[in-house]
Amino acid sequence: MQIYDVSLGITPTLPVWPGNPGIELARVNDMRAGASSNVSRLALGVHTGTHVDAPVHFFNGAPGVETLPLAVLIGPAVVIHLPAINRVTAAALESAAIPVGTERLLIRTRNSLYWAGGDTEFHTDFVGIAKDAADWIVRRQIKLVGVDYLSVAPWKESHPTHEALLQASVVVVEGLNLAAIAPGSYQFTCLPLKLVGSDGAPARAVLLGD
């Protein structure tokens, strides 16, 4: 069984969504300076790197990330590869031969090439899921969708896609690195930090496959 780490490494050079907090990882106790141990401080936005959105991200008063069901965050997943599109549409999903009964869908696009190349710039032309594709996901009763950039929705089209998915209790995982992942079936585990009441949380995500 092969283990694939599909999480982004959190470093100060990792791109963040414009307007979100930057990443700070600093040593505050340093053994080289005489401290008894090394201790670091981490500051970052909850939508940094590989992360999970909670319903309260787009709906005031909705549940936080700690309420997301572990039974959805862990289990069989299908990875599809859509290399030649600029947005994920319902037609693109319909033509992708996604097995009936798929509950966790991870979508690899040209976005993953940014991560494979160590890109440190934020790109606004990333591939996102259009509203009609979000509706398709809801109709197919898919419980979790994962994408390979920092938003599930296209640039400046956040609300329609997020609202369609989150209102239907679809778990949204953003910022996956699927560059080395072939299409097919895997076991998926994605565990966001248990930040009570938070609109999102960084996560470690892995795939298990042959």
Protein backbone atom coordinates (compact mmCIF):
# COMPACT_ATOMS: atom_id res chain seq x y z
CA MET A 1 0.00 0.00 0.00
CA GLN A 2 1.44 3.36 -1.08
CA ILE A 3 0.92 6.48 1.04
CA TYR A 4 0.65 9.76 -0.88
CA ASP A 5 0.90 13.04 1.00
CA VAL A 6 -1.33 15.47 -0.89
CA SER A 7 -0.90 18.33 1.58
CA LEU A 8 0.96 21.56 0.91
CA GLY A 9 3.96 22.35 3.07
CA ILE A 10 3.30 25.44 5.19
CA THR A 11 6.17 27.90 4.78
CA PRO A 12 6.36 31.71 4.71
CA THR A 13 6.60 31.56 0.89
CA LEU A 14 3.41 29.56 0.37
CA PRO A 15 0.85 31.68 -1.52
CA VAL A 16 -2.19 32.83 0.44
CA TRP A 17 -5.51 34.22 -0.72
CA PRO A 18 -5.24 37.99 -1.29
CA GLY A 19 -6.21 39.82 1.89
CA ASN A 20 -5.77 36.77 4.12
CA PRO A 21 -3.11 36.75 6.84
CA GLY A 22 0.40 35.82 5.84
CA ILE A 23 2.28 32.89 7.32
CA GLU A 24 4.62 33.47 10.25
CA LEU A 25 6.68 30.65 11.69
CA ALA A 26 9.28 31.95 14.10
CA ARG A 27 11.48 30.45 16.83
CA VAL A 28 10.72 32.19 20.12
CA ASN A 29 12.83 29.95 22.39
CA ASP A 30 16.12 28.91 20.82
CA MET A 31 18.57 26.42 22.28
CA ARG A 32 21.35 28.13 20.35
CA ALA A 33 20.65 31.20 22.47
CA GLY A 34 20.64 29.27 25.74
CA ALA A 35 17.00 28.16 25.97
CA SER A 36 16.32 24.71 27.41
CA SER A 37 14.28 23.72 24.35
CA ASN A 38 13.25 25.00 20.96
CA VAL A 39 9.75 26.52 20.81
CA SER A 40 8.19 28.18 17.79
CA ARG A 41 5.22 30.47 17.22
CA LEU A 42 2.86 29.97 14.29
CA ALA A 43 0.48 32.61 12.94
CA LEU A 44 -1.63 32.08 9.84
CA GLY A 45 -5.16 32.29 8.48
CA VAL A 46 -7.41 29.27 8.84
CA HIS A 47 -7.73 29.03 5.04
CA THR A 48 -3.99 28.56 4.55
CA GLY A 49 -2.53 25.81 2.36
CA THR A 50 -4.42 22.53 2.44
CA HIS A 51 -7.54 23.33 4.43
CA VAL A 52 -11.21 22.54 4.96
CA ASP A 53 -14.10 25.01 4.80
CA ALA A 54 -16.95 24.98 7.30
CA PRO A 55 -20.53 26.13 6.59
CA VAL A 56 -20.01 29.26 8.74
CA HIS A 57 -17.45 30.40 6.14
CA PHE A 58 -20.37 31.65 4.03
CA PHE A 59 -23.40 31.40 6.34
CA ASN A 60 -23.55 33.37 9.59
CA GLY A 61 -24.61 31.20 12.50
CA ALA A 62 -23.87 27.97 10.64
CA PRO A 63 -21.73 25.17 12.17
CA GLY A 64 -17.97 25.49 12.57
CA VAL A 65 -15.24 23.22 11.33
CA GLU A 66 -15.24 21.04 14.45
CA THR A 67 -18.70 19.74 13.48
CA LEU A 68 -17.63 18.26 10.14
CA PRO A 69 -18.18 14.49 10.24
CA LEU A 70 -15.07 12.32 10.44
CA ALA A 71 -16.99 9.65 8.55
CA VAL A 72 -16.95 11.96 5.53
CA LEU A 73 -13.36 13.13 5.98
CA ILE A 74 -12.10 9.53 5.96
CA GLY A 75 -13.00 6.91 3.35
CA PRO A 76 -12.89 5.85 -0.30
CA ALA A 77 -12.28 8.62 -2.83
CA VAL A 78 -12.09 8.95 -6.58
CA VAL A 79 -9.45 11.16 -8.23
CA ILE A 80 -10.20 12.51 -11.69
CA HIS A 81 -7.83 14.44 -13.96
CA LEU A 82 -9.12 17.34 -16.05
CA PRO A 83 -5.90 18.78 -17.52
CA ALA A 84 -7.22 20.89 -20.39
CA ILE A 85 -10.00 23.00 -18.89
CA ASN A 86 -10.14 26.50 -17.45
CA ARG A 87 -13.08 25.79 -15.16
CA VAL A 88 -14.83 22.67 -13.95
CA THR A 89 -18.32 22.58 -15.44
CA ALA A 90 -21.17 20.13 -15.11
CA ALA A 91 -20.42 18.94 -18.65
CA ALA A 92 -16.79 18.26 -17.71
CA LEU A 93 -17.86 16.20 -14.71
CA GLU A 94 -20.48 14.35 -16.73
CA SER A 95 -17.81 13.32 -19.26
CA ALA A 96 -15.30 12.24 -16.60
CA ALA A 97 -16.88 8.79 -16.05
CA ILE A 98 -17.17 9.29 -12.30
CA PRO A 99 -18.49 6.02 -10.83
CA VAL A 100 -22.06 6.04 -9.59
CA GLY A 101 -22.05 6.11 -5.80
CA THR A 102 -18.84 8.13 -5.46
CA GLU A 103 -18.95 9.96 -2.13
CA ARG A 104 -15.56 11.71 -2.16
CA LEU A 105 -14.34 13.38 -5.35
CA LEU A 106 -10.89 14.90 -5.76
CA ILE A 107 -10.32 16.95 -8.91
CA ARG A 108 -6.83 17.28 -10.34
CA THR A 109 -6.34 20.11 -12.85
CA ARG A 110 -3.49 22.19 -14.21
CA ASN A 111 -3.47 23.91 -10.81
CA SER A 112 -1.34 21.11 -9.38
CA LEU A 113 1.47 22.09 -11.74
CA TYR A 114 1.91 25.26 -9.66
CA TRP A 115 2.57 23.17 -6.55
CA ALA A 116 4.81 20.72 -8.39
CA GLY A 117 6.97 23.60 -9.56
CA GLY A 118 7.22 25.23 -6.14
CA ASP A 119 5.40 28.34 -7.34
CA THR A 120 5.23 31.09 -4.72
CA GLU A 121 2.91 33.46 -6.60
CA PHE A 122 -0.86 33.62 -6.22
CA HIS A 123 -2.63 33.05 -9.54
CA THR A 124 -6.08 34.43 -10.31
CA ASP A 125 -6.54 32.26 -13.42
CA PHE A 126 -6.70 29.03 -11.42
CA VAL A 127 -9.25 26.37 -12.35
CA GLY A 128 -12.32 26.44 -10.09
CA ILE A 129 -15.68 24.70 -9.93
CA ALA A 130 -18.48 26.58 -11.67
CA LYS A 131 -21.92 26.86 -10.06
CA ASP A 132 -23.47 24.33 -12.45
CA ALA A 133 -20.78 21.82 -11.49
CA ALA A 134 -21.45 22.46 -7.80
CA ASP A 135 -25.12 21.74 -8.43
CA TRP A 136 -24.12 18.54 -10.27
CA ILE A 137 -22.06 17.44 -7.26
CA VAL A 138 -25.01 18.05 -4.95
CA ARG A 139 -27.40 16.14 -7.24
CA ARG A 140 -25.02 13.18 -7.34
CA GLN A 141 -25.02 13.17 -3.51
CA ILE A 142 -21.26 13.49 -3.34
CA LYS A 143 -20.35 14.23 0.28
CA LEU A 144 -16.84 15.68 -0.12
CA VAL A 145 -15.11 17.51 -2.94
CA GLY A 146 -11.41 18.38 -3.01
CA VAL A 147 -9.64 20.78 -5.34
CA ASP A 148 -6.02 21.61 -6.08
CA TYR A 149 -6.00 25.36 -5.49
CA LEU A 150 -6.88 27.67 -2.63
CA SER A 151 -10.55 28.02 -3.54
CA VAL A 152 -13.15 25.61 -4.81
CA ALA A 153 -14.72 28.45 -6.80
CA PRO A 154 -13.31 30.44 -9.72
CA TRP A 155 -11.73 33.83 -9.00
CA LYS A 156 -14.33 36.45 -7.99
CA GLU A 157 -17.14 33.85 -8.16
CA SER A 158 -16.82 32.55 -4.61
CA HIS A 159 -20.38 32.83 -3.35
CA PRO A 160 -22.45 30.77 -5.84
CA THR A 161 -20.20 27.71 -5.73
CA HIS A 162 -19.42 27.79 -2.02
CA GLU A 163 -23.03 28.41 -1.07
CA ALA A 164 -24.34 25.57 -3.23
CA LEU A 165 -21.90 23.10 -1.71
CA LEU A 166 -21.88 24.23 1.91
CA GLN A 167 -25.65 24.62 2.10
CA ALA A 168 -25.94 20.98 0.99
CA SER A 169 -23.40 19.92 3.67
CA VAL A 170 -20.77 18.95 1.10
CA VAL A 171 -17.37 19.06 2.80
CA VAL A 172 -15.01 21.31 0.83
CA VAL A 173 -11.28 20.58 0.86
CA GLU A 174 -9.06 23.18 -0.81
CA GLY A 175 -5.34 23.42 -1.53
CA LEU A 176 -4.59 19.78 -2.32
CA ASN A 177 -1.43 18.91 -4.25
CA LEU A 178 -2.48 16.21 -6.70
CA ALA A 179 0.43 16.61 -9.13
CA ALA A 180 1.75 13.09 -8.57
CA ILE A 181 -1.63 11.37 -8.27
CA ALA A 182 -2.96 9.25 -11.11
CA PRO A 183 -6.71 9.09 -11.67
CA GLY A 184 -8.40 6.24 -9.87
CA SER A 185 -9.70 4.98 -6.55
CA TYR A 186 -7.96 5.60 -3.22
CA GLN A 187 -8.55 5.73 0.50
CA PHE A 188 -8.62 9.37 1.63
CA THR A 189 -7.91 10.83 5.04
CA CYS A 190 -8.18 14.56 5.72
CA LEU A 191 -8.07 15.79 9.30
CA PRO A 192 -8.55 19.53 9.89
CA LEU A 193 -7.45 21.07 13.16
CA LYS A 194 -10.31 21.03 15.67
CA LEU A 195 -10.75 24.81 15.86
CA VAL A 196 -14.06 25.22 17.65
CA GLY A 197 -16.44 27.57 15.85
CA SER A 198 -13.94 28.36 13.09
CA ASP A 199 -14.91 28.96 9.46
CA GLY A 200 -12.04 26.73 8.33
CA ALA A 201 -8.93 24.90 9.43
CA PRO A 202 -5.61 23.76 7.97
CA ALA A 203 -5.47 20.02 7.41
CA ARG A 204 -3.14 17.13 6.66
CA ALA A 205 -4.47 15.07 3.78
CA VAL A 206 -3.20 11.73 2.52
CA LEU A 207 -4.24 9.11 -0.01
CA LEU A 208 -3.67 5.39 0.25
CA GLY A 209 -3.42 3.43 -2.98
CA ASP A 210 -1.63 0.63 -4.77
